[in-house]
């Protein structure tokens, strides 16, 4: 399985304390089967500790993205368009 994903991360949403060894930001990326209203199918958030996961703590989302290339074994989204055949124009 191979895919390329483009993400936009809001750097204002994390603090220096979130950096591992002062320079690494550990994140989790989700690749969704559905596309949102903006054509995005990926989301990224700060990696949670095992304790946070167990407590079902709220995720700190950092941004969203989309799959722009795939080897065909993963879902590549296309923005859904509304089928408006019943419009008068």
PDB file of N, CA and C in Angstrom:
ATOM      1  N   UNK A   1       0.849  -1.174   0.000  1.00  0.00           N
ATOM      2  CA  UNK A   1       0.000   0.000   0.000  1.00  0.00           C
ATOM      3  C   UNK A   1       0.893   1.235   0.000  1.00  0.00           C
ATOM      4  N   UNK A   2       0.668   2.114  -0.928  1.00  0.00           N
ATOM      5  CA  UNK A   2       1.425   3.355  -0.987  1.00  0.00           C
ATOM      6  C   UNK A   2       0.481   4.494  -1.315  1.00  0.00           C
ATOM      7  N   UNK A   3       0.655   5.585  -0.596  1.00  0.00           N
ATOM      8  CA  UNK A   3      -0.138   6.787  -0.827  1.00  0.00           C
ATOM      9  C   UNK A   3       0.707   7.993  -0.483  1.00  0.00           C
ATOM     10  N   UNK A   4       0.444   9.086  -1.150  1.00  0.00           N
ATOM     11  CA  UNK A   4       1.042  10.368  -0.801  1.00  0.00           C
ATOM     12  C   UNK A   4      -0.073  11.263  -0.320  1.00  0.00           C
ATOM     13  N   UNK A   5       0.173  11.908   0.808  1.00  0.00           N
ATOM     14  CA  UNK A   5      -0.849  12.733   1.443  1.00  0.00           C
ATOM     15  C   UNK A   5      -0.280  14.125   1.672  1.00  0.00           C
ATOM     16  N   UNK A   6      -1.048  15.118   1.339  1.00  0.00           N
ATOM     17  CA  UNK A   6      -0.680  16.505   1.575  1.00  0.00           C
ATOM     18  C   UNK A   6      -1.447  16.993   2.799  1.00  0.00           C
ATOM     19  N   UNK A   7      -0.728  17.504   3.809  1.00  0.00           N
ATOM     20  CA  UNK A   7      -1.346  17.970   5.049  1.00  0.00           C
ATOM     21  C   UNK A   7      -1.028  19.431   5.290  1.00  0.00           C
ATOM     22  N   UNK A   8      -1.961  20.132   5.912  1.00  0.00           N
ATOM     23  CA  UNK A   8      -1.735  21.494   6.391  1.00  0.00           C
ATOM     24  C   UNK A   8      -1.833  21.455   7.902  1.00  0.00           C
ATOM     25  N   UNK A   9      -0.750  21.835   8.574  1.00  0.00           N
ATOM     26  CA  UNK A   9      -0.712  21.801  10.034  1.00  0.00           C
ATOM     27  C   UNK A   9      -0.633  23.228  10.553  1.00  0.00           C
ATOM     28  N   UNK A  10      -1.512  23.544  11.476  1.00  0.00           N
ATOM     29  CA  UNK A  10      -1.525  24.861  12.113  1.00  0.00           C
ATOM     30  C   UNK A  10      -0.524  24.832  13.270  1.00  0.00           C
ATOM     31  N   UNK A  11       0.653  25.411  13.073  1.00  0.00           N
ATOM     32  CA  UNK A  11       1.709  25.352  14.079  1.00  0.00           C
ATOM     33  C   UNK A  11       1.357  26.132  15.352  1.00  0.00           C
ATOM     34  N   UNK A  12       0.332  26.957  15.287  1.00  0.00           N
ATOM     35  CA  UNK A  12      -0.095  27.696  16.470  1.00  0.00           C
ATOM     36  C   UNK A  12      -0.899  26.818  17.431  1.00  0.00           C
ATOM     37  N   UNK A  13      -1.243  25.601  16.990  1.00  0.00           N
ATOM     38  CA  UNK A  13      -2.062  24.715  17.814  1.00  0.00           C
ATOM     39  C   UNK A  13      -1.256  23.793  18.717  1.00  0.00           C
ATOM     40  N   UNK A  14       0.067  23.870  18.676  1.00  0.00           N
ATOM     41  CA  UNK A  14       0.866  23.083  19.609  1.00  0.00           C
ATOM     42  C   UNK A  14       1.925  23.963  20.249  1.00  0.00           C
ATOM     43  N   UNK A  15       2.418  23.495  21.395  1.00  0.00           N
ATOM     44  CA  UNK A  15       3.391  24.257  22.165  1.00  0.00           C
ATOM     45  C   UNK A  15       4.756  23.594  22.067  1.00  0.00           C
ATOM     46  N   UNK A  16       5.777  24.324  22.430  1.00  0.00           N
ATOM     47  CA  UNK A  16       7.138  23.797  22.405  1.00  0.00           C
ATOM     48  C   UNK A  16       7.243  22.550  23.286  1.00  0.00           C
ATOM     49  N   UNK A  17       6.456  22.496  24.342  1.00  0.00           N
ATOM     50  CA  UNK A  17       6.473  21.347  25.248  1.00  0.00           C
ATOM     51  C   UNK A  17       6.009  20.066  24.551  1.00  0.00           C
ATOM     52  N   UNK A  18       5.276  20.197  23.445  1.00  0.00           N
ATOM     53  CA  UNK A  18       4.813  19.038  22.692  1.00  0.00           C
ATOM     54  C   UNK A  18       5.927  18.400  21.865  1.00  0.00           C
ATOM     55  N   UNK A  19       7.036  19.093  21.721  1.00  0.00           N
ATOM     56  CA  UNK A  19       8.131  18.576  20.912  1.00  0.00           C
ATOM     57  C   UNK A  19       8.921  17.525  21.684  1.00  0.00           C
ATOM     58  N   UNK A  20       9.160  16.408  21.050  1.00  0.00           N
ATOM     59  CA  UNK A  20       9.951  15.325  21.620  1.00  0.00           C
ATOM     60  C   UNK A  20      11.422  15.644  21.375  1.00  0.00           C
ATOM     61  N   UNK A  21      12.228  15.666  22.422  1.00  0.00           N
ATOM     62  CA  UNK A  21      13.656  16.009  22.330  1.00  0.00           C
ATOM     63  C   UNK A  21      13.857  17.397  21.751  1.00  0.00           C
ATOM     64  N   UNK A  22      12.853  18.250  21.903  1.00  0.00           N
ATOM     65  CA  UNK A  22      12.970  19.633  21.478  1.00  0.00           C
ATOM     66  C   UNK A  22      12.835  19.897  19.997  1.00  0.00           C
ATOM     67  N   UNK A  23      12.688  18.833  19.185  1.00  0.00           N
ATOM     68  CA  UNK A  23      12.616  19.079  17.750  1.00  0.00           C
ATOM     69  C   UNK A  23      11.655  18.179  16.994  1.00  0.00           C
ATOM     70  N   UNK A  24      11.152  17.119  17.599  1.00  0.00           N
ATOM     71  CA  UNK A  24      10.259  16.196  16.902  1.00  0.00           C
ATOM     72  C   UNK A  24       8.839  16.354  17.409  1.00  0.00           C
ATOM     73  N   UNK A  25       7.908  16.416  16.494  1.00  0.00           N
ATOM     74  CA  UNK A  25       6.497  16.501  16.850  1.00  0.00           C
ATOM     75  C   UNK A  25       5.846  15.177  16.469  1.00  0.00           C
ATOM     76  N   UNK A  26       5.438  14.407  17.468  1.00  0.00           N
ATOM     77  CA  UNK A  26       4.795  13.122  17.215  1.00  0.00           C
ATOM     78  C   UNK A  26       3.308  13.339  16.969  1.00  0.00           C
ATOM     79  N   UNK A  27       2.859  12.894  15.820  1.00  0.00           N
ATOM     80  CA  UNK A  27       1.469  13.082  15.428  1.00  0.00           C
ATOM     81  C   UNK A  27       0.871  11.757  14.978  1.00  0.00           C
ATOM     82  N   UNK A  28      -0.440  11.734  14.907  1.00  0.00           N
ATOM     83  CA  UNK A  28      -1.184  10.617  14.349  1.00  0.00           C
ATOM     84  C   UNK A  28      -1.953  11.145  13.157  1.00  0.00           C
ATOM     85  N   UNK A  29      -1.942  10.385  12.056  1.00  0.00           N
ATOM     86  CA  UNK A  29      -2.654  10.773  10.841  1.00  0.00           C
ATOM     87  C   UNK A  29      -3.719   9.723  10.554  1.00  0.00           C
ATOM     88  N   UNK A  30      -4.938  10.172  10.313  1.00  0.00           N
ATOM     89  CA  UNK A  30      -6.030   9.277   9.944  1.00  0.00           C
ATOM     90  C   UNK A  30      -6.364   9.470   8.470  1.00  0.00           C
ATOM     91  N   UNK A  31      -6.454   8.373   7.754  1.00  0.00           N
ATOM     92  CA  UNK A  31      -6.855   8.376   6.350  1.00  0.00           C
ATOM     93  C   UNK A  31      -8.278   7.834   6.310  1.00  0.00           C
ATOM     94  N   UNK A  32      -9.220   8.696   5.994  1.00  0.00           N
ATOM     95  CA  UNK A  32     -10.639   8.341   6.034  1.00  0.00           C
ATOM     96  C   UNK A  32     -11.149   7.847   4.685  1.00  0.00           C
ATOM     97  N   UNK A  33     -12.218   7.067   4.727  1.00  0.00           N
ATOM     98  CA  UNK A  33     -12.845   6.561   3.504  1.00  0.00           C
ATOM     99  C   UNK A  33     -13.748   7.602   2.850  1.00  0.00           C
ATOM    100  N   UNK A  34     -14.188   8.572   3.621  1.00  0.00           N
ATOM    101  CA  UNK A  34     -15.105   9.589   3.126  1.00  0.00           C
ATOM    102  C   UNK A  34     -14.390  10.929   2.990  1.00  0.00           C
ATOM    103  N   UNK A  35     -14.838  11.720   2.055  1.00  0.00           N
ATOM    104  CA  UNK A  35     -14.306  13.060   1.819  1.00  0.00           C
ATOM    105  C   UNK A  35     -15.241  14.063   2.482  1.00  0.00           C
ATOM    106  N   UNK A  36     -14.661  15.089   3.123  1.00  0.00           N
ATOM    107  CA  UNK A  36     -15.517  16.114   3.711  1.00  0.00           C
ATOM    108  C   UNK A  36     -15.954  17.121   2.643  1.00  0.00           C
ATOM    109  N   UNK A  37     -16.657  18.143   3.051  1.00  0.00           N
ATOM    110  CA  UNK A  37     -17.194  19.141   2.117  1.00  0.00           C
ATOM    111  C   UNK A  37     -16.108  19.912   1.366  1.00  0.00           C
ATOM    112  N   UNK A  38     -14.871  19.840   1.850  1.00  0.00           N
ATOM    113  CA  UNK A  38     -13.776  20.592   1.246  1.00  0.00           C
ATOM    114  C   UNK A  38     -12.817  19.696   0.459  1.00  0.00           C
ATOM    115  N   UNK A  39     -13.199  18.438   0.238  1.00  0.00           N
ATOM    116  CA  UNK A  39     -12.367  17.519  -0.521  1.00  0.00           C
ATOM    117  C   UNK A  39     -11.225  16.913   0.267  1.00  0.00           C
ATOM    118  N   UNK A  40     -11.283  16.992   1.584  1.00  0.00           N
ATOM    119  CA  UNK A  40     -10.224  16.464   2.444  1.00  0.00           C
ATOM    120  C   UNK A  40     -10.637  15.102   3.000  1.00  0.00           C
ATOM    121  N   UNK A  41      -9.681  14.192   3.119  1.00  0.00           N
ATOM    122  CA  UNK A  41      -9.987  12.885   3.684  1.00  0.00           C
ATOM    123  C   UNK A  41      -8.967  12.444   4.732  1.00  0.00           C
ATOM    124  N   UNK A  42      -8.109  13.361   5.179  1.00  0.00           N
ATOM    125  CA  UNK A  42      -7.107  13.043   6.191  1.00  0.00           C
ATOM    126  C   UNK A  42      -7.182  14.068   7.314  1.00  0.00           C
ATOM    127  N   UNK A  43      -6.870  13.624   8.507  1.00  0.00           N
ATOM    128  CA  UNK A  43      -6.767  14.549   9.633  1.00  0.00           C
ATOM    129  C   UNK A  43      -5.529  14.184  10.439  1.00  0.00           C
ATOM    130  N   UNK A  44      -4.966  15.166  11.118  1.00  0.00           N
ATOM    131  CA  UNK A  44      -3.748  14.965  11.903  1.00  0.00           C
ATOM    132  C   UNK A  44      -3.942  15.595  13.274  1.00  0.00           C
ATOM    133  N   UNK A  45      -3.482  14.865  14.300  1.00  0.00           N
ATOM    134  CA  UNK A  45      -3.579  15.367  15.664  1.00  0.00           C
ATOM    135  C   UNK A  45      -2.332  14.967  16.434  1.00  0.00           C
ATOM    136  N   UNK A  46      -2.117  15.650  17.573  1.00  0.00           N
ATOM    137  CA  UNK A  46      -0.987  15.301  18.425  1.00  0.00           C
ATOM    138  C   UNK A  46      -1.139  13.868  18.907  1.00  0.00           C
ATOM    139  N   UNK A  47      -0.044  13.134  18.900  1.00  0.00           N
ATOM    140  CA  UNK A  47      -0.062  11.760  19.395  1.00  0.00           C
ATOM    141  C   UNK A  47      -0.437  11.763  20.877  1.00  0.00           C
ATOM    142  N   UNK A  48      -1.314  10.838  21.247  1.00  0.00           N
ATOM    143  CA  UNK A  48      -1.746  10.746  22.632  1.00  0.00           C
ATOM    144  C   UNK A  48      -0.913   9.715  23.385  1.00  0.00           C
ATOM    145  N   UNK A  49      -0.746   9.949  24.673  1.00  0.00           N
ATOM    146  CA  UNK A  49      -0.070   8.972  25.525  1.00  0.00           C
ATOM    147  C   UNK A  49      -1.021   7.804  25.762  1.00  0.00           C
ATOM    148  N   UNK A  50      -0.487   6.655  26.181  1.00  0.00           N
ATOM    149  CA  UNK A  50      -1.377   5.529  26.495  1.00  0.00           C
ATOM    150  C   UNK A  50      -2.431   5.890  27.546  1.00  0.00           C
ATOM    151  N   UNK A  51      -2.053   6.736  28.506  1.00  0.00           N
ATOM    152  CA  UNK A  51      -2.999   7.160  29.538  1.00  0.00           C
ATOM    153  C   UNK A  51      -4.124   8.010  28.942  1.00  0.00           C
ATOM    154  N   UNK A  52      -3.776   8.911  28.027  1.00  0.00           N
ATOM    155  CA  UNK A  52      -4.782   9.743  27.372  1.00  0.00           C
ATOM    156  C   UNK A  52      -5.721   8.891  26.526  1.00  0.00           C
ATOM    157  N   UNK A  53      -5.164   7.901  25.832  1.00  0.00           N
ATOM    158  CA  UNK A  53      -5.999   7.005  25.027  1.00  0.00           C
ATOM    159  C   UNK A  53      -6.961   6.221  25.906  1.00  0.00           C
ATOM    160  N   UNK A  54      -6.434   5.694  27.015  1.00  0.00           N
ATOM    161  CA  UNK A  54      -7.265   4.903  27.923  1.00  0.00           C
ATOM    162  C   UNK A  54      -8.384   5.748  28.528  1.00  0.00           C
ATOM    163  N   UNK A  55      -8.072   6.997  28.836  1.00  0.00           N
ATOM    164  CA  UNK A  55      -9.063   7.914  29.418  1.00  0.00           C
ATOM    165  C   UNK A  55      -9.984   8.509  28.360  1.00  0.00           C
ATOM    166  N   UNK A  56      -9.729   8.155  27.087  1.00  0.00           N
ATOM    167  CA  UNK A  56     -10.500   8.690  25.965  1.00  0.00           C
ATOM    168  C   UNK A  56     -10.488  10.220  25.959  1.00  0.00           C
ATOM    169  N   UNK A  57      -9.283  10.762  26.185  1.00  0.00           N
ATOM    170  CA  UNK A  57      -9.102  12.214  26.198  1.00  0.00           C
ATOM    171  C   UNK A  57      -9.378  12.784  24.803  1.00  0.00           C
ATOM    172  N   UNK A  58      -9.836  14.006  24.783  1.00  0.00           N
ATOM    173  CA  UNK A  58     -10.126  14.683  23.526  1.00  0.00           C
ATOM    174  C   UNK A  58      -8.833  14.878  22.728  1.00  0.00           C
ATOM    175  N   UNK A  59      -8.886  14.614  21.437  1.00  0.00           N
ATOM    176  CA  UNK A  59      -7.723  14.794  20.565  1.00  0.00           C
ATOM    177  C   UNK A  59      -7.470  16.272  20.305  1.00  0.00           C
ATOM    178  N   UNK A  60      -6.201  16.620  20.178  1.00  0.00           N
ATOM    179  CA  UNK A  60      -5.826  17.993  19.825  1.00  0.00           C
ATOM    180  C   UNK A  60      -5.492  18.011  18.340  1.00  0.00           C
ATOM    181  N   UNK A  61      -6.498  18.359  17.532  1.00  0.00           N
ATOM    182  CA  UNK A  61      -6.345  18.367  16.079  1.00  0.00           C
ATOM    183  C   UNK A  61      -5.422  19.498  15.641  1.00  0.00           C
ATOM    184  N   UNK A  62      -4.558  19.188  14.683  1.00  0.00           N
ATOM    185  CA  UNK A  62      -3.600  20.161  14.168  1.00  0.00           C
ATOM    186  C   UNK A  62      -3.890  20.584  12.744  1.00  0.00           C
ATOM    187  N   UNK A  63      -4.624  19.756  12.007  1.00  0.00           N
ATOM    188  CA  UNK A  63      -4.903  20.113  10.626  1.00  0.00           C
ATOM    189  C   UNK A  63      -5.576  18.996   9.855  1.00  0.00           C
ATOM    190  N   UNK A  64      -5.721  19.234   8.563  1.00  0.00           N
ATOM    191  CA  UNK A  64      -6.382  18.290   7.656  1.00  0.00           C
ATOM    192  C   UNK A  64      -5.581  18.190   6.363  1.00  0.00           C
ATOM    193  N   UNK A  65      -5.938  17.218   5.543  1.00  0.00           N
ATOM    194  CA  UNK A  65      -5.256  17.056   4.269  1.00  0.00           C
ATOM    195  C   UNK A  65      -6.033  16.146   3.347  1.00  0.00           C
ATOM    196  N   UNK A  66      -5.363  15.755   2.264  1.00  0.00           N
ATOM    197  CA  UNK A  66      -6.023  14.895   1.277  1.00  0.00           C
ATOM    198  C   UNK A  66      -4.987  13.974   0.644  1.00  0.00           C
ATOM    199  N   UNK A  67      -5.451  12.844   0.176  1.00  0.00           N
ATOM    200  CA  UNK A  67      -4.615  11.923  -0.578  1.00  0.00           C
ATOM    201  C   UNK A  67      -4.523  12.461  -2.000  1.00  0.00           C
ATOM    202  N   UNK A  68      -3.306  12.643  -2.510  1.00  0.00           N
ATOM    203  CA  UNK A  68      -3.195  13.143  -3.883  1.00  0.00           C
ATOM    204  C   UNK A  68      -2.580  12.125  -4.831  1.00  0.00           C
ATOM    205  N   UNK A  69      -2.072  10.992  -4.305  1.00  0.00           N
ATOM    206  CA  UNK A  69      -1.588   9.912  -5.153  1.00  0.00           C
ATOM    207  C   UNK A  69      -1.685   8.606  -4.386  1.00  0.00           C
ATOM    208  N   UNK A  70      -2.007   7.553  -5.104  1.00  0.00           N
ATOM    209  CA  UNK A  70      -2.080   6.232  -4.498  1.00  0.00           C
ATOM    210  C   UNK A  70      -1.679   5.191  -5.529  1.00  0.00           C
ATOM    211  N   UNK A  71      -1.181   4.064  -5.063  1.00  0.00           N
ATOM    212  CA  UNK A  71      -0.825   2.981  -5.972  1.00  0.00           C
ATOM    213  C   UNK A  71      -2.038   2.147  -6.367  1.00  0.00           C
ATOM    214  N   UNK A  72      -3.208   2.597  -5.985  1.00  0.00           N
ATOM    215  CA  UNK A  72      -4.442   1.912  -6.344  1.00  0.00           C
ATOM    216  C   UNK A  72      -4.955   0.985  -5.273  1.00  0.00           C
ATOM    217  N   UNK A  73      -4.195   0.797  -4.223  1.00  0.00           N
ATOM    218  CA  UNK A  73      -4.620  -0.085  -3.147  1.00  0.00           C
ATOM    219  C   UNK A  73      -5.231   0.680  -1.981  1.00  0.00           C
ATOM    220  N   UNK A  74      -5.225   1.982  -2.068  1.00  0.00           N
ATOM    221  CA  UNK A  74      -5.871   2.815  -1.060  1.00  0.00           C
ATOM    222  C   UNK A  74      -6.822   3.766  -1.758  1.00  0.00           C
ATOM    223  N   UNK A  75      -7.702   4.335  -0.985  1.00  0.00           N
ATOM    224  CA  UNK A  75      -8.733   5.233  -1.486  1.00  0.00           C
ATOM    225  C   UNK A  75      -8.132   6.589  -1.843  1.00  0.00           C
ATOM    226  N   UNK A  76      -8.376   7.051  -3.042  1.00  0.00           N
ATOM    227  CA  UNK A  76      -7.995   8.400  -3.461  1.00  0.00           C
ATOM    228  C   UNK A  76      -9.282   9.181  -3.666  1.00  0.00           C
ATOM    229  N   UNK A  77      -9.559  10.170  -2.820  1.00  0.00           N
ATOM    230  CA  UNK A  77     -10.842  10.855  -2.875  1.00  0.00           C
ATOM    231  C   UNK A  77     -10.959  11.837  -4.027  1.00  0.00           C
ATOM    232  N   UNK A  78     -12.156  11.992  -4.462  1.00  0.00           N
ATOM    233  CA  UNK A  78     -12.501  13.058  -5.386  1.00  0.00           C
ATOM    234  C   UNK A  78     -13.613  13.838  -4.721  1.00  0.00           C
ATOM    235  N   UNK A  79     -13.554  15.136  -4.815  1.00  0.00           N
ATOM    236  CA  UNK A  79     -14.585  15.944  -4.187  1.00  0.00           C
ATOM    237  C   UNK A  79     -15.926  15.612  -4.812  1.00  0.00           C
ATOM    238  N   UNK A  80     -16.871  15.302  -3.945  1.00  0.00           N
ATOM    239  CA  UNK A  80     -18.196  14.940  -4.432  1.00  0.00           C
ATOM    240  C   UNK A  80     -18.905  16.173  -4.959  1.00  0.00           C
ATOM    241  N   UNK A  81     -19.575  16.006  -6.078  1.00  0.00           N
ATOM    242  CA  UNK A  81     -20.357  17.097  -6.632  1.00  0.00           C
ATOM    243  C   UNK A  81     -21.828  16.722  -6.534  1.00  0.00           C
ATOM    244  N   UNK A  82     -22.624  17.687  -6.240  1.00  0.00           N
ATOM    245  CA  UNK A  82     -24.056  17.443  -6.120  1.00  0.00           C
ATOM    246  C   UNK A  82     -24.662  17.219  -7.501  1.00  0.00           C
ATOM    247  N   UNK A  83     -25.520  16.256  -7.590  1.00  0.00           N
ATOM    248  CA  UNK A  83     -26.228  15.971  -8.844  1.00  0.00           C
ATOM    249  C   UNK A  83     -27.531  16.771  -8.799  1.00  0.00           C
ATOM    250  N   UNK A  84     -27.541  17.899  -9.466  1.00  0.00           N
ATOM    251  CA  UNK A  84     -28.695  18.808  -9.417  1.00  0.00           C
ATOM    252  C   UNK A  84     -29.465  18.820 -10.708  1.00  0.00           C
ATOM    253  N   UNK A  85     -29.901  17.641 -11.162  1.00  0.00           N
ATOM    254  CA  UNK A  85     -30.651  17.553 -12.403  1.00  0.00           C
ATOM    255  C   UNK A  85     -32.017  18.223 -12.333  1.00  0.00           C
ATOM    256  N   UNK A  86     -32.535  18.428 -11.137  1.00  0.00           N
ATOM    257  CA  UNK A  86     -33.863  18.999 -11.015  1.00  0.00           C
ATOM    258  C   UNK A  86     -33.855  20.527 -10.959  1.00  0.00           C
ATOM    259  N   UNK A  87     -32.686  21.164 -11.160  1.00  0.00           N
ATOM    260  CA  UNK A  87     -32.644  22.611 -11.159  1.00  0.00           C
ATOM    261  C   UNK A  87     -33.273  23.171 -12.439  1.00  0.00           C
ATOM    262  N   UNK A  88     -33.962  24.313 -12.336  1.00  0.00           N
ATOM    263  CA  UNK A  88     -34.649  24.876 -13.509  1.00  0.00           C
ATOM    264  C   UNK A  88     -33.720  25.542 -14.519  1.00  0.00           C
ATOM    265  N   UNK A  89     -32.419  25.602 -14.266  1.00  0.00           N
ATOM    266  CA  UNK A  89     -31.508  26.240 -15.225  1.00  0.00           C
ATOM    267  C   UNK A  89     -30.381  25.340 -15.603  1.00  0.00           C
TER     268      UNK A  89
END
